[in-house]
Amino acid sequence: MSGIGWDRDPHTASIYDLIARVCAGVPFLGVLLWDCRGKFGSVTWSKLTLLLGAGYLLGLILTPLSAPWDLVQLLVRKALKTPFDWKEGASGGDEVDKKDKAAGATIAKMQAEAVLCQNPFTAFLVLVIINTEHKLTLIACCTIFCRSLILLVLAASALQRTITYVAREKRLHRIYVK
């Protein structure tokens, strides 16, 4: 998207944050409600808006459940020798944003992309756990191998985006702040 100027708009991070939450929440809700789908009738704009809003709220709820990814991020920061203040958290992106808004927006976008990959992993893991006690049609039809493969692919993508985000933040911090 960098060719159309989106990376220069400081509000871009909000759009990516919205996308990151909705993309995890809507499928989660869809899997939970799959057996009841006939009760909702035809799709209307108001129902679609409610679905997207509920998906966003579920995405917000899933984000704190993705807390183990914060530990992964800390390990990545340690491996890449990226500074981290235990009182303030990672502030490299804020420092870069203060010097260059476009670079700060890039970091915020990449952080949202990491969340976009972390939340579906957490959502699928929660669905697999729910399926152990309450059979969910769309999860129960997958074999254990299939579920494990999905979790592995989602974990690999979340790890890759987390590493990329921290590495980019470190590089932009070095360019703009130091």
N, C-alpha and C. Protein backbone atom coordinates (compact mmCIF):
# COMPACT_ATOMS: atom_id res chain seq x y z
N MET A 1 0.81 -1.20 0.00
CA MET A 1 0.00 0.00 0.00
C MET A 1 0.85 1.26 0.00
N SER A 2 2.15 1.11 0.10
CA SER A 2 2.98 2.29 0.21
C SER A 2 2.94 3.16 -1.03
N GLY A 3 2.58 2.61 -2.16
CA GLY A 3 2.54 3.39 -3.39
C GLY A 3 1.41 4.41 -3.44
N ILE A 4 0.41 4.29 -2.58
CA ILE A 4 -0.71 5.22 -2.64
C ILE A 4 -0.71 6.22 -1.49
N GLY A 5 0.37 6.27 -0.74
CA GLY A 5 0.48 7.28 0.30
C GLY A 5 -0.12 6.90 1.64
N TRP A 6 -0.63 5.68 1.79
CA TRP A 6 -1.24 5.28 3.05
C TRP A 6 -0.22 5.26 4.18
N ASP A 7 1.05 4.97 3.85
CA ASP A 7 2.04 4.88 4.91
C ASP A 7 2.44 6.25 5.43
N ARG A 8 1.97 7.33 4.81
CA ARG A 8 2.28 8.67 5.28
C ARG A 8 1.18 9.23 6.18
N ASP A 9 0.05 8.58 6.21
CA ASP A 9 -1.09 9.04 7.00
C ASP A 9 -1.02 8.42 8.40
N PRO A 10 -0.93 9.27 9.45
CA PRO A 10 -0.83 8.72 10.79
C PRO A 10 -2.06 7.94 11.23
N HIS A 11 -3.20 8.11 10.54
CA HIS A 11 -4.41 7.38 10.90
C HIS A 11 -4.44 5.99 10.29
N THR A 12 -3.45 5.68 9.46
CA THR A 12 -3.38 4.37 8.83
C THR A 12 -3.32 3.27 9.88
N ALA A 13 -2.59 3.51 10.96
CA ALA A 13 -2.46 2.50 12.02
C ALA A 13 -3.84 2.13 12.57
N SER A 14 -4.74 3.11 12.67
CA SER A 14 -6.09 2.83 13.17
C SER A 14 -6.84 1.91 12.22
N ILE A 15 -6.65 2.11 10.94
CA ILE A 15 -7.31 1.26 9.95
C ILE A 15 -6.77 -0.16 10.05
N TYR A 16 -5.45 -0.29 10.16
CA TYR A 16 -4.85 -1.61 10.29
C TYR A 16 -5.26 -2.28 11.59
N ASP A 17 -5.39 -1.50 12.65
CA ASP A 17 -5.83 -2.04 13.93
C ASP A 17 -7.26 -2.57 13.81
N LEU A 18 -8.12 -1.81 13.15
CA LEU A 18 -9.51 -2.24 12.92
C LEU A 18 -9.52 -3.55 12.13
N ILE A 19 -8.74 -3.61 11.07
CA ILE A 19 -8.68 -4.81 10.24
C ILE A 19 -8.17 -6.00 11.06
N ALA A 20 -7.13 -5.77 11.88
CA ALA A 20 -6.55 -6.85 12.68
C ALA A 20 -7.57 -7.44 13.64
N ARG A 21 -8.41 -6.61 14.19
CA ARG A 21 -9.40 -7.12 15.16
C ARG A 21 -10.58 -7.80 14.46
N VAL A 22 -11.08 -7.19 13.40
CA VAL A 22 -12.22 -7.75 12.68
C VAL A 22 -11.87 -9.09 12.03
N CYS A 23 -10.66 -9.18 11.47
CA CYS A 23 -10.25 -10.41 10.77
C CYS A 23 -10.12 -11.61 11.70
N ALA A 24 -9.93 -11.39 12.97
CA ALA A 24 -9.92 -12.50 13.93
C ALA A 24 -11.30 -12.72 14.53
N GLY A 25 -12.00 -11.64 14.81
CA GLY A 25 -13.28 -11.75 15.52
C GLY A 25 -14.42 -12.30 14.68
N VAL A 26 -14.52 -11.89 13.42
CA VAL A 26 -15.64 -12.33 12.58
C VAL A 26 -15.58 -13.84 12.32
N PRO A 27 -14.45 -14.41 11.91
CA PRO A 27 -14.42 -15.87 11.73
C PRO A 27 -14.67 -16.63 13.03
N PHE A 28 -14.14 -16.10 14.14
CA PHE A 28 -14.38 -16.72 15.45
C PHE A 28 -15.87 -16.79 15.72
N LEU A 29 -16.55 -15.67 15.52
CA LEU A 29 -17.99 -15.61 15.72
C LEU A 29 -18.72 -16.53 14.74
N GLY A 30 -18.24 -16.56 13.50
CA GLY A 30 -18.85 -17.44 12.49
C GLY A 30 -18.78 -18.91 12.87
N VAL A 31 -17.63 -19.34 13.38
CA VAL A 31 -17.48 -20.74 13.80
C VAL A 31 -18.37 -21.03 15.00
N LEU A 32 -18.43 -20.11 15.96
CA LEU A 32 -19.28 -20.32 17.14
C LEU A 32 -20.76 -20.41 16.78
N LEU A 33 -21.18 -19.60 15.81
CA LEU A 33 -22.61 -19.52 15.47
C LEU A 33 -22.99 -20.35 14.25
N TRP A 34 -22.07 -21.13 13.73
CA TRP A 34 -22.31 -21.86 12.48
C TRP A 34 -23.59 -22.70 12.53
N ASP A 35 -23.81 -23.41 13.61
CA ASP A 35 -24.99 -24.28 13.71
C ASP A 35 -26.30 -23.50 13.78
N CYS A 36 -26.22 -22.20 14.12
CA CYS A 36 -27.42 -21.35 14.24
C CYS A 36 -27.61 -20.47 13.01
N ARG A 37 -26.82 -20.65 11.97
CA ARG A 37 -26.82 -19.71 10.85
C ARG A 37 -28.17 -19.58 10.17
N GLY A 38 -29.00 -20.60 10.20
CA GLY A 38 -30.32 -20.54 9.57
C GLY A 38 -31.30 -19.62 10.30
N LYS A 39 -31.03 -19.34 11.54
CA LYS A 39 -31.92 -18.51 12.35
C LYS A 39 -31.77 -17.02 12.08
N PHE A 40 -30.70 -16.62 11.36
CA PHE A 40 -30.43 -15.21 11.16
C PHE A 40 -31.11 -14.62 9.92
N GLY A 41 -31.66 -15.47 9.07
CA GLY A 41 -32.34 -14.97 7.87
C GLY A 41 -31.36 -14.44 6.84
N SER A 42 -31.89 -13.64 5.94
CA SER A 42 -31.06 -13.13 4.85
C SER A 42 -30.11 -12.03 5.36
N VAL A 43 -29.04 -11.84 4.59
CA VAL A 43 -28.04 -10.85 4.96
C VAL A 43 -28.53 -9.46 4.58
N THR A 44 -28.48 -8.54 5.53
CA THR A 44 -28.83 -7.14 5.28
C THR A 44 -27.64 -6.28 5.71
N TRP A 45 -27.67 -5.02 5.31
CA TRP A 45 -26.58 -4.12 5.69
C TRP A 45 -26.51 -3.96 7.20
N SER A 46 -27.65 -3.91 7.86
CA SER A 46 -27.64 -3.74 9.32
C SER A 46 -27.08 -4.99 10.00
N LYS A 47 -27.41 -6.17 9.50
CA LYS A 47 -26.87 -7.40 10.08
C LYS A 47 -25.37 -7.51 9.83
N LEU A 48 -24.95 -7.11 8.65
CA LEU A 48 -23.53 -7.12 8.33
C LEU A 48 -22.76 -6.15 9.23
N THR A 49 -23.33 -4.98 9.45
CA THR A 49 -22.70 -4.00 10.34
C THR A 49 -22.62 -4.54 11.76
N LEU A 50 -23.68 -5.18 12.23
CA LEU A 50 -23.66 -5.79 13.57
C LEU A 50 -22.61 -6.90 13.65
N LEU A 51 -22.50 -7.71 12.59
CA LEU A 51 -21.51 -8.78 12.57
C LEU A 51 -20.09 -8.21 12.64
N LEU A 52 -19.84 -7.16 11.86
CA LEU A 52 -18.51 -6.54 11.87
C LEU A 52 -18.21 -5.90 13.23
N GLY A 53 -19.22 -5.24 13.82
CA GLY A 53 -19.03 -4.64 15.14
C GLY A 53 -18.77 -5.70 16.20
N ALA A 54 -19.55 -6.78 16.17
CA ALA A 54 -19.34 -7.87 17.13
C ALA A 54 -17.98 -8.52 16.89
N GLY A 55 -17.59 -8.65 15.63
CA GLY A 55 -16.28 -9.20 15.31
C GLY A 55 -15.16 -8.34 15.84
N TYR A 56 -15.32 -7.03 15.73
CA TYR A 56 -14.32 -6.10 16.27
C TYR A 56 -14.21 -6.27 17.79
N LEU A 57 -15.36 -6.33 18.47
CA LEU A 57 -15.34 -6.49 19.93
C LEU A 57 -14.69 -7.81 20.34
N LEU A 58 -15.00 -8.88 19.60
CA LEU A 58 -14.36 -10.16 19.90
C LEU A 58 -12.86 -10.08 19.65
N GLY A 59 -12.46 -9.36 18.60
CA GLY A 59 -11.03 -9.16 18.34
C GLY A 59 -10.35 -8.43 19.47
N LEU A 60 -11.05 -7.44 20.05
CA LEU A 60 -10.51 -6.73 21.22
C LEU A 60 -10.33 -7.69 22.40
N ILE A 61 -11.28 -8.58 22.57
CA ILE A 61 -11.21 -9.55 23.67
C ILE A 61 -10.08 -10.56 23.42
N LEU A 62 -9.90 -10.94 22.16
CA LEU A 62 -8.85 -11.91 21.84
C LEU A 62 -7.45 -11.35 22.02
N THR A 63 -7.28 -10.05 21.87
CA THR A 63 -5.95 -9.46 21.97
C THR A 63 -5.30 -9.71 23.33
N PRO A 64 -5.97 -9.48 24.46
CA PRO A 64 -5.32 -9.81 25.73
C PRO A 64 -5.06 -11.31 25.89
N LEU A 65 -5.88 -12.14 25.27
CA LEU A 65 -5.64 -13.58 25.32
C LEU A 65 -4.40 -13.96 24.51
N SER A 66 -3.95 -13.04 23.65
CA SER A 66 -2.74 -13.27 22.87
C SER A 66 -1.50 -12.83 23.63
N ALA A 67 -1.61 -12.62 24.93
CA ALA A 67 -0.50 -12.14 25.75
C ALA A 67 0.76 -13.00 25.65
N PRO A 68 0.66 -14.32 25.48
CA PRO A 68 1.91 -15.09 25.32
C PRO A 68 2.77 -14.59 24.15
N TRP A 69 2.15 -13.94 23.18
CA TRP A 69 2.94 -13.39 22.07
C TRP A 69 3.77 -12.20 22.54
N ASP A 70 3.36 -11.55 23.62
CA ASP A 70 4.19 -10.48 24.19
C ASP A 70 5.50 -11.05 24.71
N LEU A 71 5.43 -12.24 25.29
CA LEU A 71 6.65 -12.91 25.73
C LEU A 71 7.54 -13.24 24.54
N VAL A 72 6.93 -13.71 23.47
CA VAL A 72 7.69 -13.99 22.24
C VAL A 72 8.35 -12.70 21.75
N GLN A 73 7.60 -11.60 21.78
CA GLN A 73 8.17 -10.32 21.34
C GLN A 73 9.35 -9.92 22.23
N LEU A 74 9.24 -10.14 23.53
CA LEU A 74 10.36 -9.83 24.42
C LEU A 74 11.58 -10.68 24.08
N LEU A 75 11.37 -11.95 23.78
CA LEU A 75 12.48 -12.82 23.39
C LEU A 75 13.11 -12.36 22.08
N VAL A 76 12.28 -11.94 21.14
CA VAL A 76 12.79 -11.42 19.86
C VAL A 76 13.59 -10.15 20.10
N ARG A 77 13.07 -9.27 20.96
CA ARG A 77 13.79 -8.03 21.28
C ARG A 77 15.15 -8.35 21.91
N LYS A 78 15.18 -9.34 22.78
CA LYS A 78 16.45 -9.73 23.41
C LYS A 78 17.40 -10.29 22.35
N ALA A 79 16.90 -11.15 21.46
CA ALA A 79 17.75 -11.74 20.42
C ALA A 79 18.29 -10.68 19.47
N LEU A 80 17.47 -9.66 19.17
CA LEU A 80 17.90 -8.60 18.26
C LEU A 80 18.58 -7.44 18.98
N LYS A 81 18.74 -7.59 20.30
CA LYS A 81 19.37 -6.55 21.13
C LYS A 81 18.66 -5.20 20.98
N THR A 82 17.34 -5.26 21.03
CA THR A 82 16.51 -4.06 20.95
C THR A 82 16.19 -3.62 22.37
N PRO A 83 16.42 -2.34 22.69
CA PRO A 83 16.17 -1.89 24.08
C PRO A 83 14.70 -2.03 24.47
N PHE A 84 14.50 -2.32 25.73
CA PHE A 84 13.14 -2.44 26.27
C PHE A 84 13.15 -1.92 27.70
N ASP A 85 12.24 -0.98 27.98
CA ASP A 85 12.11 -0.41 29.31
C ASP A 85 10.93 -1.10 30.00
N TRP A 86 11.20 -1.80 31.10
CA TRP A 86 10.16 -2.56 31.78
C TRP A 86 9.06 -1.67 32.36
N LYS A 87 9.36 -0.40 32.64
CA LYS A 87 8.35 0.50 33.19
C LYS A 87 7.45 1.08 32.11
N GLU A 88 8.04 1.40 30.95
CA GLU A 88 7.29 2.05 29.87
C GLU A 88 6.91 1.12 28.74
N GLY A 89 7.56 -0.01 28.64
CA GLY A 89 7.34 -0.90 27.52
C GLY A 89 8.19 -0.46 26.34
N ALA A 90 7.90 -1.02 25.18
CA ALA A 90 8.68 -0.67 23.99
C ALA A 90 8.29 0.73 23.54
N SER A 91 9.24 1.63 23.52
CA SER A 91 8.93 3.01 23.14
C SER A 91 9.66 3.43 21.86
N GLY A 92 10.35 2.50 21.23
CA GLY A 92 11.09 2.82 20.01
C GLY A 92 10.20 3.40 18.93
N GLY A 93 9.01 2.86 18.77
CA GLY A 93 8.08 3.37 17.76
C GLY A 93 7.63 4.78 18.06
N ASP A 94 7.41 5.10 19.33
CA ASP A 94 7.02 6.46 19.72
C ASP A 94 8.13 7.46 19.43
N GLU A 95 9.36 7.04 19.72
CA GLU A 95 10.50 7.93 19.46
C GLU A 95 10.67 8.18 17.97
N VAL A 96 10.49 7.14 17.16
CA VAL A 96 10.59 7.29 15.71
C VAL A 96 9.46 8.19 15.20
N ASP A 97 8.25 7.98 15.72
CA ASP A 97 7.09 8.77 15.30
C ASP A 97 7.30 10.25 15.59
N LYS A 98 7.96 10.54 16.69
CA LYS A 98 8.23 11.93 17.05
C LYS A 98 9.16 12.59 16.03
N LYS A 99 10.07 11.82 15.46
CA LYS A 99 11.03 12.35 14.48
C LYS A 99 10.49 12.33 13.05
N ASP A 100 9.71 11.30 12.72
CA ASP A 100 9.20 11.15 11.35
C ASP A 100 7.86 10.43 11.39
N LYS A 101 6.79 11.15 11.03
CA LYS A 101 5.43 10.60 11.12
C LYS A 101 5.23 9.39 10.20
N ALA A 102 5.79 9.45 9.00
CA ALA A 102 5.62 8.33 8.06
C ALA A 102 6.29 7.07 8.59
N ALA A 103 7.50 7.21 9.14
CA ALA A 103 8.19 6.05 9.71
C ALA A 103 7.44 5.53 10.93
N GLY A 104 6.91 6.44 11.75
CA GLY A 104 6.12 6.03 12.91
C GLY A 104 4.86 5.29 12.50
N ALA A 105 4.22 5.76 11.41
CA ALA A 105 3.03 5.09 10.90
C ALA A 105 3.38 3.70 10.38
N THR A 106 4.55 3.57 9.77
CA THR A 106 4.99 2.26 9.29
C THR A 106 5.15 1.29 10.44
N ILE A 107 5.75 1.75 11.53
CA ILE A 107 5.92 0.89 12.70
C ILE A 107 4.56 0.50 13.28
N ALA A 108 3.66 1.46 13.40
CA ALA A 108 2.32 1.18 13.93
C ALA A 108 1.58 0.18 13.04
N LYS A 109 1.73 0.35 11.73
CA LYS A 109 1.10 -0.58 10.78
C LYS A 109 1.66 -1.99 10.97
N MET A 110 2.97 -2.08 11.11
CA MET A 110 3.59 -3.39 11.27
C MET A 110 3.21 -4.04 12.61
N GLN A 111 3.04 -3.22 13.63
CA GLN A 111 2.58 -3.75 14.92
C GLN A 111 1.16 -4.31 14.76
N ALA A 112 0.31 -3.59 14.04
CA ALA A 112 -1.06 -4.08 13.80
C ALA A 112 -1.04 -5.35 12.96
N GLU A 113 -0.10 -5.45 12.01
CA GLU A 113 0.02 -6.67 11.21
C GLU A 113 0.41 -7.86 12.08
N ALA A 114 1.28 -7.61 13.07
CA ALA A 114 1.66 -8.68 14.00
C ALA A 114 0.42 -9.14 14.78
N VAL A 115 -0.37 -8.18 15.24
CA VAL A 115 -1.61 -8.53 15.96
C VAL A 115 -2.57 -9.27 15.02
N LEU A 116 -2.60 -8.86 13.76
CA LEU A 116 -3.45 -9.52 12.76
C LEU A 116 -3.10 -11.00 12.64
N CYS A 117 -1.85 -11.35 12.83
CA CYS A 117 -1.45 -12.76 12.77
C CYS A 117 -1.54 -13.46 14.12
N GLN A 118 -1.38 -12.73 15.20
CA GLN A 118 -1.44 -13.33 16.53
C GLN A 118 -2.87 -13.67 16.95
N ASN A 119 -3.81 -12.77 16.67
CA ASN A 119 -5.19 -12.99 17.10
C ASN A 119 -5.85 -14.21 16.45
N PRO A 120 -5.67 -14.48 15.14
CA PRO A 120 -6.27 -15.70 14.59
C PRO A 120 -5.71 -16.97 15.22
N PHE A 121 -4.42 -16.97 15.56
CA PHE A 121 -3.85 -18.13 16.27
C PHE A 121 -4.58 -18.33 17.58
N THR A 122 -4.71 -17.26 18.36
CA THR A 122 -5.39 -17.34 19.65
C THR A 122 -6.85 -17.75 19.46
N ALA A 123 -7.51 -17.17 18.48
CA ALA A 123 -8.92 -17.49 18.23
C ALA A 123 -9.08 -18.97 17.89
N PHE A 124 -8.22 -19.48 17.01
CA PHE A 124 -8.34 -20.89 16.63
C PHE A 124 -8.03 -21.80 17.82
N LEU A 125 -7.03 -21.43 18.62
CA LEU A 125 -6.69 -22.22 19.80
C LEU A 125 -7.87 -22.25 20.78
N VAL A 126 -8.51 -21.11 20.98
CA VAL A 126 -9.69 -21.06 21.87
C VAL A 126 -10.81 -21.93 21.30
N LEU A 127 -11.02 -21.88 20.00
CA LEU A 127 -12.05 -22.72 19.38
C LEU A 127 -11.75 -24.21 19.54
N VAL A 128 -10.49 -24.58 19.40
CA VAL A 128 -10.10 -25.98 19.59
C VAL A 128 -10.36 -26.40 21.04
N ILE A 129 -10.06 -25.53 21.98
CA ILE A 129 -10.31 -25.83 23.39
C ILE A 129 -11.81 -25.94 23.66
N ILE A 130 -12.59 -25.00 23.13
CA ILE A 130 -14.06 -25.07 23.29
C ILE A 130 -14.58 -26.37 22.71
N ASN A 131 -14.03 -26.79 21.58
CA ASN A 131 -14.48 -28.00 20.89
C ASN A 131 -14.29 -29.26 21.73
N THR A 132 -13.37 -29.24 22.70
CA THR A 132 -13.18 -30.43 23.53
C THR A 132 -14.39 -30.71 24.42
N GLU A 133 -15.13 -29.67 24.80
CA GLU A 133 -16.30 -29.84 25.65
C GLU A 133 -17.62 -29.63 24.92
N HIS A 134 -17.61 -28.76 23.94
CA HIS A 134 -18.83 -28.43 23.19
C HIS A 134 -18.48 -28.52 21.70
N LYS A 135 -18.94 -29.54 21.04
CA LYS A 135 -18.56 -29.79 19.66
C LYS A 135 -19.01 -28.64 18.74
N LEU A 136 -18.04 -28.07 18.07
CA LEU A 136 -18.28 -27.03 17.07
C LEU A 136 -18.13 -27.68 15.69
N THR A 137 -19.16 -27.64 14.90
CA THR A 137 -19.20 -28.36 13.63
C THR A 137 -17.97 -28.12 12.77
N LEU A 138 -17.57 -26.86 12.60
CA LEU A 138 -16.47 -26.55 11.70
C LEU A 138 -15.11 -26.97 12.27
N ILE A 139 -14.99 -27.11 13.57
CA ILE A 139 -13.74 -27.57 14.18
C ILE A 139 -13.74 -29.09 14.28
N ALA A 140 -14.87 -29.65 14.65
CA ALA A 140 -14.97 -31.10 14.83
C ALA A 140 -14.75 -31.86 13.51
N CYS A 141 -15.05 -31.23 12.38
CA CYS A 141 -14.87 -31.93 11.10
C CYS A 141 -13.40 -32.00 10.68
N CYS A 142 -12.53 -31.25 11.36
CA CYS A 142 -11.09 -31.30 11.08
C CYS A 142 -10.44 -32.40 11.92
N THR A 143 -9.51 -33.11 11.32
CA THR A 143 -8.77 -34.11 12.09
C THR A 143 -7.80 -33.40 13.03
N ILE A 144 -7.26 -34.15 13.98
CA ILE A 144 -6.27 -33.57 14.90
C ILE A 144 -5.06 -33.09 14.10
N PHE A 145 -4.67 -33.84 13.09
CA PHE A 145 -3.54 -33.42 12.24
C PHE A 145 -3.85 -32.09 11.56
N CYS A 146 -5.05 -31.95 11.03
CA CYS A 146 -5.45 -30.71 10.35
C CYS A 146 -5.45 -29.53 11.32
N ARG A 147 -6.02 -29.73 12.51
CA ARG A 147 -6.03 -28.66 13.52
C ARG A 147 -4.61 -28.29 13.93
N SER A 148 -3.76 -29.28 14.10
CA SER A 148 -2.36 -29.03 14.47
C SER A 148 -1.64 -28.27 13.36
N LEU A 149 -1.91 -28.65 12.12
CA LEU A 149 -1.28 -27.97 10.99
C LEU A 149 -1.73 -26.51 10.90
N ILE A 150 -3.01 -26.28 11.11
CA ILE A 150 -3.54 -24.90 11.11
C ILE A 150 -2.86 -24.09 12.21
N LEU A 151 -2.78 -24.66 13.42
CA LEU A 151 -2.13 -23.95 14.52
C LEU A 151 -0.66 -23.68 14.21
N LEU A 152 0.02 -24.62 13.59
CA LEU A 152 1.43 -24.45 13.24
C LEU A 152 1.60 -23.32 12.22
N VAL A 153 0.77 -23.30 11.19
CA VAL A 153 0.85 -22.25 10.17
C VAL A 153 0.54 -20.88 10.78
N LEU A 154 -0.49 -20.81 11.61
CA LEU A 154 -0.84 -19.54 12.26
C LEU A 154 0.28 -19.08 13.20
N ALA A 155 0.88 -20.02 13.94
CA ALA A 155 1.98 -19.66 14.84
C ALA A 155 3.19 -19.18 14.04
N ALA A 156 3.49 -19.84 12.93
CA ALA A 156 4.63 -19.44 12.11
C ALA A 156 4.42 -18.04 11.53
N SER A 157 3.21 -17.75 11.09
CA SER A 157 2.96 -16.41 10.53
C SER A 157 3.02 -15.35 11.63
N ALA A 158 2.49 -15.65 12.81
CA ALA A 158 2.56 -14.70 13.92
C ALA A 158 4.01 -14.46 14.33
N LEU A 159 4.81 -15.50 14.39
CA LEU A 159 6.21 -15.35 14.75
C LEU A 159 6.95 -14.52 13.70
N GLN A 160 6.71 -14.81 12.43
CA GLN A 160 7.38 -14.07 11.36
C GLN A 160 7.02 -12.59 11.41
N ARG A 161 5.74 -12.27 11.59
CA ARG A 161 5.33 -10.86 11.64
C ARG A 161 5.88 -10.17 12.89
N THR A 162 5.98 -10.88 14.00
CA THR A 162 6.54 -10.29 15.22
C THR A 162 8.03 -9.98 15.02
N ILE A 163 8.76 -10.92 14.45
CA ILE A 163 10.19 -10.69 14.18
C ILE A 163 10.37 -9.53 13.21
N THR A 164 9.57 -9.50 12.16
CA THR A 164 9.67 -8.43 11.16
C THR A 164 9.36 -7.07 11.78
N TYR A 165 8.33 -7.02 12.61
CA TYR A 165 7.96 -5.77 13.28
C TYR A 165 9.09 -5.26 14.17
N VAL A 166 9.63 -6.11 15.02
CA VAL A 166 10.69 -5.69 15.95
C VAL A 166 11.94 -5.29 15.17
N ALA A 167 12.28 -6.05 14.14
CA ALA A 167 13.47 -5.71 13.34
C ALA A 167 13.29 -4.37 12.63
N ARG A 168 12.12 -4.11 12.06
CA ARG A 168 11.88 -2.83 11.39
C ARG A 168 11.89 -1.69 12.38
N GLU A 169 11.29 -1.89 13.55
CA GLU A 169 11.31 -0.86 14.58
C GLU A 169 12.74 -0.53 14.97
N LYS A 170 13.57 -1.55 15.15
CA LYS A 170 14.97 -1.34 15.52
C LYS A 170 15.70 -0.55 14.42
N ARG A 171 15.48 -0.95 13.16
CA ARG A 171 16.17 -0.27 12.06
C ARG A 171 15.73 1.18 11.94
N LEU A 172 14.43 1.44 12.00
CA LEU A 172 13.95 2.82 11.89
C LEU A 172 14.37 3.65 13.10
N HIS A 173 14.45 3.04 14.26
CA HIS A 173 14.94 3.74 15.45
C HIS A 173 16.39 4.16 15.24
N ARG A 174 17.18 3.25 14.68
CA ARG A 174 18.58 3.56 14.42
C ARG A 174 18.72 4.69 13.39
N ILE A 175 17.87 4.69 12.37
CA ILE A 175 17.94 5.70 11.31
C ILE A 175 17.49 7.08 11.82
N TYR A 176 16.37 7.14 12.53
CA TYR A 176 15.76 8.42 12.89
C TYR A 176 16.12 8.95 14.25
N VAL A 177 16.46 8.10 15.20
CA VAL A 177 16.66 8.55 16.57
C VAL A 177 18.13 8.61 16.94
N LYS A 178 18.89 7.62 16.58
CA LYS A 178 20.31 7.59 16.99
C LYS A 178 21.20 8.32 16.03
